[in-house]
C-alpha atoms as a PDB file:
ATOM      1  CA  UNK A   1     104.992 113.546  92.783  1.00  0.00           C
ATOM      2  CA  UNK A   2     105.843 115.805  89.844  1.00  0.00           C
ATOM      3  CA  UNK A   3     104.834 114.900  86.323  1.00  0.00           C
ATOM      4  CA  UNK A   4     107.318 112.645  84.554  1.00  0.00           C
ATOM      5  CA  UNK A   5     109.517 114.255  81.966  1.00  0.00           C
ATOM      6  CA  UNK A   6     109.002 113.222  78.368  1.00  0.00           C
ATOM      7  CA  UNK A   7     109.757 114.331  74.854  1.00  0.00           C
ATOM      8  CA  UNK A   8     106.175 115.407  74.210  1.00  0.00           C
ATOM      9  CA  UNK A   9     103.811 117.587  76.174  1.00  0.00           C
ATOM     10  CA  UNK A  10     100.852 115.193  76.026  1.00  0.00           C
ATOM     11  CA  UNK A  11      99.147 114.314  79.277  1.00  0.00           C
ATOM     12  CA  UNK A  12      99.585 110.603  79.981  1.00  0.00           C
ATOM     13  CA  UNK A  13      97.314 108.663  82.325  1.00  0.00           C
ATOM     14  CA  UNK A  14      99.842 105.843  82.746  1.00  0.00           C
ATOM     15  CA  UNK A  15     103.610 106.219  82.937  1.00  0.00           C
ATOM     16  CA  UNK A  16     105.413 102.877  82.873  1.00  0.00           C
ATOM     17  CA  UNK A  17     109.036 101.908  82.782  1.00  0.00           C
ATOM     18  CA  UNK A  18     110.475  98.540  83.747  1.00  0.00           C
ATOM     19  CA  UNK A  19     110.120  98.277  87.522  1.00  0.00           C
ATOM     20  CA  UNK A  20     108.101 101.491  87.939  1.00  0.00           C
ATOM     21  CA  UNK A  21     104.499 102.566  87.422  1.00  0.00           C
ATOM     22  CA  UNK A  22     102.982 106.010  87.948  1.00  0.00           C
ATOM     23  CA  UNK A  23      99.306 106.797  87.490  1.00  0.00           C
ATOM     24  CA  UNK A  24      97.728 110.162  86.871  1.00  0.00           C
ATOM     25  CA  UNK A  25      95.502 111.156  89.788  1.00  0.00           C
ATOM     26  CA  UNK A  26      92.371 111.935  87.790  1.00  0.00           C
ATOM     27  CA  UNK A  27      90.564 113.248  90.874  1.00  0.00           C
ATOM     28  CA  UNK A  28      92.700 116.386  90.743  1.00  0.00           C
ATOM     29  CA  UNK A  29      92.140 117.217  87.082  1.00  0.00           C
ATOM     30  CA  UNK A  30      91.921 119.782  85.518  1.00  0.00           C
ATOM     31  CA  UNK A  31      93.470 122.003  88.200  1.00  0.00           C
ATOM     32  CA  UNK A  32      96.468 119.869  89.094  1.00  0.00           C
ATOM     33  CA  UNK A  33      98.617 117.218  87.397  1.00  0.00           C
ATOM     34  CA  UNK A  34      99.790 114.710  89.992  1.00  0.00           C
ATOM     35  CA  UNK A  35     101.230 111.249  89.420  1.00  0.00           C
ATOM     36  CA  UNK A  36     100.983 108.564  92.095  1.00  0.00           C
ATOM     37  CA  UNK A  37     103.312 105.562  92.360  1.00  0.00           C
ATOM     38  CA  UNK A  38     101.621 102.165  91.985  1.00  0.00           C
ATOM     39  CA  UNK A  39     104.413  99.624  92.234  1.00  0.00           C
ATOM     40  CA  UNK A  40     102.338  96.757  93.605  1.00  0.00           C
ATOM     41  CA  UNK A  41      98.876  95.319  93.078  1.00  0.00           C
ATOM     42  CA  UNK A  42      97.519  96.481  96.453  1.00  0.00           C
ATOM     43  CA  UNK A  43      98.403 100.125  95.819  1.00  0.00           C
ATOM     44  CA  UNK A  44      96.919  99.943  92.339  1.00  0.00           C
ATOM     45  CA  UNK A  45      93.717  98.396  93.700  1.00  0.00           C
ATOM     46  CA  UNK A  46      93.424 101.221  96.237  1.00  0.00           C
ATOM     47  CA  UNK A  47      93.910 103.870  93.539  1.00  0.00           C
ATOM     48  CA  UNK A  48      91.248 102.239  91.362  1.00  0.00           C
ATOM     49  CA  UNK A  49      88.842 101.892  94.290  1.00  0.00           C
ATOM     50  CA  UNK A  50      89.361 105.539  95.299  1.00  0.00           C
ATOM     51  CA  UNK A  51      88.672 106.663  91.703  1.00  0.00           C
ATOM     52  CA  UNK A  52      92.167 108.053  91.079  1.00  0.00           C
ATOM     53  CA  UNK A  53      92.190 105.857  87.962  1.00  0.00           C
ATOM     54  CA  UNK A  54      89.078 106.035  85.791  1.00  0.00           C
ATOM     55  CA  UNK A  55      87.871 104.378  82.621  1.00  0.00           C
ATOM     56  CA  UNK A  56      87.869 100.703  81.740  1.00  0.00           C
ATOM     57  CA  UNK A  57      90.989 100.785  79.536  1.00  0.00           C
ATOM     58  CA  UNK A  58      93.054 102.699  82.113  1.00  0.00           C
ATOM     59  CA  UNK A  59      91.867 100.413  84.917  1.00  0.00           C
ATOM     60  CA  UNK A  60      92.738  97.245  82.999  1.00  0.00           C
ATOM     61  CA  UNK A  61      96.161  98.440  81.866  1.00  0.00           C
ATOM     62  CA  UNK A  62      97.018  99.839  85.299  1.00  0.00           C
ATOM     63  CA  UNK A  63      96.103  96.585  87.011  1.00  0.00           C
ATOM     64  CA  UNK A  64      98.124  94.476  84.583  1.00  0.00           C
ATOM     65  CA  UNK A  65     101.161  96.747  84.748  1.00  0.00           C
ATOM     66  CA  UNK A  66     101.102  96.900  88.545  1.00  0.00           C
ATOM     67  CA  UNK A  67     101.356  93.104  88.664  1.00  0.00           C
ATOM     68  CA  UNK A  68     104.175  93.173  86.089  1.00  0.00           C
ATOM     69  CA  UNK A  69     106.078  95.796  88.097  1.00  0.00           C
ATOM     70  CA  UNK A  70     105.581  93.864  91.325  1.00  0.00           C
ATOM     71  CA  UNK A  71     106.850  90.650  89.718  1.00  0.00           C
ATOM     72  CA  UNK A  72     109.828  92.461  88.182  1.00  0.00           C
ATOM     73  CA  UNK A  73     110.776  93.992  91.537  1.00  0.00           C
ATOM     74  CA  UNK A  74     110.269  90.683  93.365  1.00  0.00           C
ATOM     75  CA  UNK A  75     112.655  88.973  90.936  1.00  0.00           C
ATOM     76  CA  UNK A  76     115.352  91.388  92.084  1.00  0.00           C
ATOM     77  CA  UNK A  77     115.120  89.884  95.587  1.00  0.00           C
ATOM     78  CA  UNK A  78     115.351  86.106  95.248  1.00  0.00           C
ATOM     79  CA  UNK A  79     114.221  84.008  98.171  1.00  0.00           C
ATOM     80  CA  UNK A  80     116.485  81.268  99.534  1.00  0.00           C
END
């Protein structure tokens, strides 16, 4: 997935917008900048476990945001 567009040129480890989460694949740095979608807690857990996300702050924020995104997207599809 290509890097998200933004107003600044700073490298961001976490790219969040309501209903969407992308995480920088830190395994590919510094040669490549790749963002991976993490729109549910299971995908985020896999990315953390496989060391695509590194560092305690990034791990904590990624985990919390993946749950928030999953809940937001689940609310769009009410049951019953």
